[in-house]
Amino acid sequence: MKRILAKSALVLLAAAVPVTATAEPAISGQWKNPKGSVVVRLGPCGNAICGVVVNASEHAKDTARKGGTPHLIGTRILAGLRPTSDGSFKGQVFDPKRNIHAPATVRMLGPDALSIEGCAFLGLVCKEQRWTRVS
């Protein structure tokens, strides 16, 4: 009887643990822009990775408002990021200062640094920023 109960407990425990558990991508976490005026939380959203503004200076909020983004906190500025074969992530970036969506490439430069490049107007205008992880 003890064997049956022990086996039943193991079966129930195994059923409770997801079989397809995946590790959090290294890109996940909180990151700040070069000026330290905006902090973005990168993490899973659906089957991709997104970045949402979680903190911003008053100057950054004012600049975003002037560009047409009334509420910078909570704004998704990176969306649909998916890993590529070269280790980078491709998706979309939103520039609240200019109210522009553009294709983006995000690359890990190390455990605490990443590069975000967005290109607008058919790739004619590109901008890159290096962000650092917030501890």
Protein backbone atom coordinates (compact mmCIF):
# COMPACT_ATOMS: atom_id res chain seq x y z
CA MET A 1 0.00 0.00 0.00
CA LYS A 2 2.88 2.37 0.81
CA ARG A 3 4.38 1.69 -2.62
CA ILE A 4 1.11 2.58 -4.36
CA LEU A 5 0.83 5.84 -2.38
CA ALA A 6 4.46 6.72 -3.07
CA LYS A 7 4.05 6.07 -6.81
CA SER A 8 0.81 8.05 -6.86
CA ALA A 9 2.55 10.98 -5.17
CA LEU A 10 5.37 10.89 -7.74
CA VAL A 11 2.88 10.82 -10.62
CA LEU A 12 1.01 13.82 -9.19
CA LEU A 13 4.26 15.70 -8.61
CA ALA A 14 5.45 15.02 -12.16
CA ALA A 15 2.13 16.20 -13.56
CA ALA A 16 2.43 19.48 -11.63
CA VAL A 17 5.87 20.32 -13.07
CA PRO A 18 5.72 21.70 -16.64
CA VAL A 19 7.62 19.52 -19.08
CA THR A 20 8.45 22.37 -21.47
CA ALA A 21 9.81 24.84 -18.91
CA THR A 22 12.21 27.23 -20.60
CA ALA A 23 14.84 29.42 -19.03
CA GLU A 24 14.41 33.17 -19.01
CA PRO A 25 16.43 34.67 -21.90
CA ALA A 26 19.66 36.48 -20.91
CA ILE A 27 18.19 39.64 -22.42
CA SER A 28 15.42 39.69 -19.79
CA GLY A 29 15.67 42.21 -16.98
CA GLN A 30 15.75 45.95 -16.49
CA TRP A 31 17.93 48.10 -18.72
CA LYS A 32 18.68 51.83 -18.82
CA ASN A 33 19.48 54.01 -21.80
CA PRO A 34 22.89 55.77 -22.10
CA LYS A 35 21.69 58.92 -20.30
CA GLY A 36 20.03 56.89 -17.54
CA SER A 37 16.82 58.81 -18.17
CA VAL A 38 14.70 55.77 -19.12
CA VAL A 39 14.52 52.27 -17.61
CA VAL A 40 12.90 49.49 -19.64
CA ARG A 41 11.90 46.01 -18.46
CA LEU A 42 12.62 43.38 -21.13
CA GLY A 43 10.85 40.07 -20.83
CA PRO A 44 8.59 37.53 -22.47
CA CYS A 45 5.29 38.67 -23.96
CA GLY A 46 3.51 35.94 -25.87
CA ASN A 47 6.03 34.06 -27.98
CA ALA A 48 8.45 37.01 -28.23
CA ILE A 49 10.21 39.51 -25.98
CA CYS A 50 8.98 43.03 -25.35
CA GLY A 51 10.33 46.07 -23.55
CA VAL A 52 8.12 48.36 -21.46
CA VAL A 53 9.18 51.64 -19.85
CA VAL A 54 9.08 51.24 -16.06
CA ASN A 55 10.81 54.47 -15.03
CA ALA A 56 11.69 57.77 -16.70
CA SER A 57 13.00 61.18 -15.77
CA GLU A 58 10.71 64.19 -15.97
CA HIS A 59 12.71 65.45 -18.96
CA ALA A 60 12.20 62.14 -20.81
CA LYS A 61 8.46 62.24 -20.03
CA ASP A 62 8.19 65.84 -21.31
CA THR A 63 10.10 64.98 -24.49
CA ALA A 64 7.81 61.98 -25.12
CA ARG A 65 4.71 64.16 -24.58
CA LYS A 66 5.99 66.69 -27.11
CA GLY A 67 6.49 63.80 -29.56
CA GLY A 68 2.90 62.59 -29.10
CA THR A 69 3.28 59.96 -26.36
CA PRO A 70 1.22 61.26 -23.43
CA HIS A 71 2.25 58.55 -20.91
CA LEU A 72 5.80 57.28 -21.26
CA ILE A 73 5.63 54.92 -18.25
CA GLY A 74 3.99 51.72 -19.45
CA THR A 75 4.75 52.38 -23.12
CA ARG A 76 6.01 49.36 -25.05
CA ILE A 77 9.09 50.59 -26.89
CA LEU A 78 10.42 47.19 -27.99
CA ALA A 79 8.06 44.58 -29.40
CA GLY A 80 8.13 41.23 -31.14
CA LEU A 81 11.81 40.56 -30.43
CA ARG A 82 12.71 37.06 -31.57
CA PRO A 83 16.13 35.40 -31.52
CA THR A 84 17.97 35.00 -34.80
CA SER A 85 20.64 32.49 -35.83
CA ASP A 86 23.46 34.96 -35.09
CA GLY A 87 22.40 35.44 -31.45
CA SER A 88 20.76 38.83 -31.92
CA PHE A 89 17.05 39.60 -31.60
CA LYS A 90 14.94 41.21 -34.33
CA GLY A 91 11.67 43.04 -33.81
CA GLN A 92 10.27 46.56 -33.66
CA VAL A 93 11.32 49.67 -31.74
CA PHE A 94 9.15 52.68 -30.93
CA ASP A 95 10.79 56.09 -30.52
CA PRO A 96 8.37 58.13 -28.36
CA LYS A 97 10.35 61.33 -29.00
CA ARG A 98 9.61 61.13 -32.74
CA ASN A 99 6.50 58.89 -32.58
CA ILE A 100 8.13 56.44 -35.03
CA HIS A 101 8.01 52.63 -35.20
CA ALA A 102 10.96 50.99 -36.96
CA PRO A 103 12.61 47.59 -37.40
CA ALA A 104 15.11 46.91 -34.62
CA THR A 105 18.04 44.65 -33.88
CA VAL A 106 19.09 44.00 -30.29
CA ARG A 107 22.45 42.40 -29.52
CA MET A 108 23.88 41.33 -26.18
CA LEU A 109 27.36 42.86 -25.83
CA GLY A 110 27.98 41.11 -22.52
CA PRO A 111 25.98 40.13 -19.45
CA ASP A 112 25.35 43.78 -18.53
CA ALA A 113 25.36 45.59 -21.89
CA LEU A 114 23.29 45.48 -25.04
CA SER A 115 23.06 47.38 -28.30
CA ILE A 116 19.73 48.49 -29.75
CA GLU A 117 19.69 49.63 -33.37
CA GLY A 118 16.62 50.94 -35.15
CA CYS A 119 16.45 51.95 -38.78
CA ALA A 120 13.62 54.04 -40.22
CA PHE A 121 12.77 55.34 -43.68
CA LEU A 122 13.68 52.15 -45.53
CA GLY A 123 16.93 51.82 -43.60
CA LEU A 124 18.22 55.24 -44.59
CA VAL A 125 18.20 56.64 -41.05
CA CYS A 126 19.62 54.41 -38.32
CA LYS A 127 20.36 55.04 -34.66
CA GLU A 128 22.14 52.82 -32.16
CA GLN A 129 22.18 53.02 -28.38
CA ARG A 130 24.11 50.98 -25.84
CA TRP A 131 22.08 50.16 -22.76
CA THR A 132 23.29 48.83 -19.43
CA ARG A 133 21.61 46.42 -17.04
CA VAL A 134 20.04 47.88 -13.92
CA SER A 135 21.01 45.86 -10.83
